[in-house]
Amino acid sequence: MNRMDNMEPQDDKELWDVLGRLPEPTLSPFFARNILRKIRDKPTHFERVQNWFSVRTFVGGSAVVAVVAALALVTHYPGPRTTSSSDSDLVAKIDPQDYDVVADLDELVAWDENSVWEDRPTL
């Protein structure tokens, strides 16, 4: 059980003294009238649904959809790749022996296309 649940005035005299000096809360004479007005002014179900489909909500929702669509397009289709000077430098740095390897690979692909094995569909 919490110590504050069954606190008596003699338990903490200073606290009760401070609480005793606080002014009593006062209510406005029109409190009941104001509460009843708030209850009566509560929007109906149709008004709440209508507020969801207001112009402000439509514009905000459209903006969010446009941003999401733009982000999806940008991430999935990054656009054309431009060649930079570093790419041309990379081509210039290729070893001449690599060209020989590429030529040999081209010959191998050509030989494979003319191979005897393609004439027979099954082994």
C-alpha atoms as a PDB file:
ATOM      1  CA  MET A   1       0.000   0.000   0.000  1.00  0.00           C
ATOM      2  CA  ASN A   2       1.251   3.467  -0.838  1.00  0.00           C
ATOM      3  CA  ARG A   3       2.239   5.749   2.007  1.00  0.00           C
ATOM      4  CA  MET A   4       0.227   8.621   0.479  1.00  0.00           C
ATOM      5  CA  ASP A   5      -3.033   6.624   0.388  1.00  0.00           C
ATOM      6  CA  ASN A   6      -3.767   6.876   4.086  1.00  0.00           C
ATOM      7  CA  MET A   7      -1.913  10.069   4.989  1.00  0.00           C
ATOM      8  CA  GLU A   8      -3.185  11.891   8.062  1.00  0.00           C
ATOM      9  CA  PRO A   9      -2.633  15.608   8.803  1.00  0.00           C
ATOM     10  CA  GLN A  10      -0.213  14.814  11.602  1.00  0.00           C
ATOM     11  CA  ASP A  11       1.970  12.708   9.203  1.00  0.00           C
ATOM     12  CA  ASP A  12       3.249  15.664   7.196  1.00  0.00           C
ATOM     13  CA  LYS A  13       2.322  18.922   8.864  1.00  0.00           C
ATOM     14  CA  GLU A  14       4.216  21.146   6.398  1.00  0.00           C
ATOM     15  CA  LEU A  15       2.435  19.695   3.383  1.00  0.00           C
ATOM     16  CA  TRP A  16      -0.968  20.177   4.917  1.00  0.00           C
ATOM     17  CA  ASP A  17      -0.070  23.734   5.886  1.00  0.00           C
ATOM     18  CA  VAL A  18       0.827  24.547   2.275  1.00  0.00           C
ATOM     19  CA  LEU A  19      -2.308  22.860   0.993  1.00  0.00           C
ATOM     20  CA  GLY A  20      -4.386  24.765   3.517  1.00  0.00           C
ATOM     21  CA  ARG A  21      -3.076  28.119   2.234  1.00  0.00           C
ATOM     22  CA  LEU A  22      -4.046  27.451  -1.398  1.00  0.00           C
ATOM     23  CA  PRO A  23      -7.185  29.289  -2.537  1.00  0.00           C
ATOM     24  CA  GLU A  24     -10.322  27.267  -3.166  1.00  0.00           C
ATOM     25  CA  PRO A  25     -11.049  26.702  -6.861  1.00  0.00           C
ATOM     26  CA  THR A  26     -13.994  28.773  -8.062  1.00  0.00           C
ATOM     27  CA  LEU A  27     -16.270  27.972 -10.964  1.00  0.00           C
ATOM     28  CA  SER A  28     -17.660  30.457 -13.392  1.00  0.00           C
ATOM     29  CA  PRO A  29     -21.369  31.164 -12.950  1.00  0.00           C
ATOM     30  CA  PHE A  30     -21.791  30.140 -16.589  1.00  0.00           C
ATOM     31  CA  PHE A  31     -19.967  26.807 -16.232  1.00  0.00           C
ATOM     32  CA  ALA A  32     -23.033  24.608 -16.759  1.00  0.00           C
ATOM     33  CA  ARG A  33     -24.217  26.700 -19.707  1.00  0.00           C
ATOM     34  CA  ASN A  34     -20.790  26.471 -21.385  1.00  0.00           C
ATOM     35  CA  ILE A  35     -20.670  22.699 -20.936  1.00  0.00           C
ATOM     36  CA  LEU A  36     -24.128  22.252 -22.446  1.00  0.00           C
ATOM     37  CA  ARG A  37     -23.173  24.482 -25.396  1.00  0.00           C
ATOM     38  CA  LYS A  38     -20.092  22.329 -26.077  1.00  0.00           C
ATOM     39  CA  ILE A  39     -22.239  19.190 -26.012  1.00  0.00           C
ATOM     40  CA  ARG A  40     -24.792  20.702 -28.400  1.00  0.00           C
ATOM     41  CA  ASP A  41     -22.089  22.001 -30.755  1.00  0.00           C
ATOM     42  CA  LYS A  42     -20.507  18.562 -31.070  1.00  0.00           C
ATOM     43  CA  PRO A  43     -20.331  17.759 -34.825  1.00  0.00           C
ATOM     44  CA  THR A  44     -22.588  15.068 -36.200  1.00  0.00           C
ATOM     45  CA  HIS A  45     -21.272  11.963 -37.943  1.00  0.00           C
ATOM     46  CA  PHE A  46     -21.885  13.514 -41.366  1.00  0.00           C
ATOM     47  CA  GLU A  47     -19.961  16.685 -40.414  1.00  0.00           C
ATOM     48  CA  ARG A  48     -17.004  14.627 -39.159  1.00  0.00           C
ATOM     49  CA  VAL A  49     -16.905  12.636 -42.423  1.00  0.00           C
ATOM     50  CA  GLN A  50     -17.248  15.854 -44.409  1.00  0.00           C
ATOM     51  CA  ASN A  51     -14.276  17.343 -42.533  1.00  0.00           C
ATOM     52  CA  TRP A  52     -12.119  14.388 -43.628  1.00  0.00           C
ATOM     53  CA  PHE A  53     -12.849  15.162 -47.267  1.00  0.00           C
ATOM     54  CA  SER A  54     -12.212  18.877 -47.091  1.00  0.00           C
ATOM     55  CA  VAL A  55     -10.044  20.760 -49.573  1.00  0.00           C
ATOM     56  CA  ARG A  56      -7.228  21.088 -47.043  1.00  0.00           C
ATOM     57  CA  THR A  57      -7.106  17.326 -46.483  1.00  0.00           C
ATOM     58  CA  PHE A  58      -7.284  16.652 -50.226  1.00  0.00           C
ATOM     59  CA  VAL A  59      -4.385  19.008 -50.982  1.00  0.00           C
ATOM     60  CA  GLY A  60      -2.262  17.592 -48.158  1.00  0.00           C
ATOM     61  CA  GLY A  61      -2.964  14.003 -49.157  1.00  0.00           C
ATOM     62  CA  SER A  62      -2.219  14.758 -52.805  1.00  0.00           C
ATOM     63  CA  ALA A  63       1.107  16.327 -51.844  1.00  0.00           C
ATOM     64  CA  VAL A  64       2.077  13.269 -49.802  1.00  0.00           C
ATOM     65  CA  VAL A  65       1.139  10.920 -52.666  1.00  0.00           C
ATOM     66  CA  ALA A  66       3.145  13.031 -55.136  1.00  0.00           C
ATOM     67  CA  VAL A  67       6.241  12.973 -52.915  1.00  0.00           C
ATOM     68  CA  VAL A  68       6.011   9.206 -52.405  1.00  0.00           C
ATOM     69  CA  ALA A  69       5.572   8.622 -56.147  1.00  0.00           C
ATOM     70  CA  ALA A  70       8.542  10.872 -56.958  1.00  0.00           C
ATOM     71  CA  LEU A  71      10.736   9.073 -54.435  1.00  0.00           C
ATOM     72  CA  ALA A  72       9.709   5.698 -55.845  1.00  0.00           C
ATOM     73  CA  LEU A  73      10.542   6.802 -59.381  1.00  0.00           C
ATOM     74  CA  VAL A  74      13.878   8.281 -58.380  1.00  0.00           C
ATOM     75  CA  THR A  75      14.957   5.207 -56.437  1.00  0.00           C
ATOM     76  CA  HIS A  76      13.864   2.676 -59.065  1.00  0.00           C
ATOM     77  CA  TYR A  77      14.871   4.648 -62.197  1.00  0.00           C
ATOM     78  CA  PRO A  78      17.996   6.652 -61.356  1.00  0.00           C
ATOM     79  CA  GLY A  79      18.307   8.245 -64.807  1.00  0.00           C
ATOM     80  CA  PRO A  80      20.932   8.183 -67.543  1.00  0.00           C
ATOM     81  CA  ARG A  81      24.512   7.608 -66.571  1.00  0.00           C
ATOM     82  CA  THR A  82      26.924  10.225 -67.762  1.00  0.00           C
ATOM     83  CA  THR A  83      30.518   9.394 -68.508  1.00  0.00           C
ATOM     84  CA  SER A  84      32.947  11.250 -66.378  1.00  0.00           C
ATOM     85  CA  SER A  85      36.589  12.014 -66.902  1.00  0.00           C
ATOM     86  CA  SER A  86      37.473   9.289 -64.400  1.00  0.00           C
ATOM     87  CA  ASP A  87      35.808   6.690 -66.671  1.00  0.00           C
ATOM     88  CA  SER A  88      37.920   7.722 -69.630  1.00  0.00           C
ATOM     89  CA  ASP A  89      41.003   7.649 -67.396  1.00  0.00           C
ATOM     90  CA  LEU A  90      40.120   4.096 -66.444  1.00  0.00           C
ATOM     91  CA  VAL A  91      40.002   3.058 -70.115  1.00  0.00           C
ATOM     92  CA  ALA A  92      43.390   4.675 -70.690  1.00  0.00           C
ATOM     93  CA  LYS A  93      44.897   2.691 -67.794  1.00  0.00           C
ATOM     94  CA  ILE A  94      43.907  -0.734 -69.209  1.00  0.00           C
ATOM     95  CA  ASP A  95      46.907  -2.944 -69.862  1.00  0.00           C
ATOM     96  CA  PRO A  96      47.435  -3.889 -73.554  1.00  0.00           C
ATOM     97  CA  GLN A  97      47.545  -7.560 -72.545  1.00  0.00           C
ATOM     98  CA  ASP A  98      43.875  -7.260 -71.508  1.00  0.00           C
ATOM     99  CA  TYR A  99      42.970  -6.461 -75.103  1.00  0.00           C
ATOM    100  CA  ASP A 100      44.548  -9.763 -76.138  1.00  0.00           C
ATOM    101  CA  VAL A 101      42.416 -11.604 -73.570  1.00  0.00           C
ATOM    102  CA  VAL A 102      39.255  -9.939 -74.883  1.00  0.00           C
ATOM    103  CA  ALA A 103      40.203 -10.883 -78.451  1.00  0.00           C
ATOM    104  CA  ASP A 104      40.772 -14.490 -77.347  1.00  0.00           C
ATOM    105  CA  LEU A 105      37.384 -14.517 -75.646  1.00  0.00           C
ATOM    106  CA  ASP A 106      35.741 -13.220 -78.817  1.00  0.00           C
ATOM    107  CA  GLU A 107      37.349 -16.067 -80.786  1.00  0.00           C
ATOM    108  CA  LEU A 108      36.150 -18.581 -78.196  1.00  0.00           C
ATOM    109  CA  VAL A 109      32.566 -17.292 -78.407  1.00  0.00           C
ATOM    110  CA  ALA A 110      32.693 -17.454 -82.209  1.00  0.00           C
ATOM    111  CA  TRP A 111      34.043 -21.034 -82.100  1.00  0.00           C
ATOM    112  CA  ASP A 112      31.319 -22.004 -79.590  1.00  0.00           C
ATOM    113  CA  GLU A 113      28.620 -20.648 -81.898  1.00  0.00           C
ATOM    114  CA  ASN A 114      29.926 -22.777 -84.767  1.00  0.00           C
ATOM    115  CA  SER A 115      30.471 -25.831 -82.625  1.00  0.00           C
ATOM    116  CA  VAL A 116      29.381 -29.311 -83.676  1.00  0.00           C
ATOM    117  CA  TRP A 117      27.504 -29.723 -80.431  1.00  0.00           C
ATOM    118  CA  GLU A 118      24.780 -27.298 -81.495  1.00  0.00           C
ATOM    119  CA  ASP A 119      23.781 -29.549 -84.382  1.00  0.00           C
ATOM    120  CA  ARG A 120      22.706 -32.304 -82.009  1.00  0.00           C
ATOM    121  CA  PRO A 121      19.801 -31.357 -79.709  1.00  0.00           C
ATOM    122  CA  THR A 122      20.519 -34.171 -77.236  1.00  0.00           C
ATOM    123  CA  LEU A 123      23.655 -36.019 -76.185  1.00  0.00           C
END
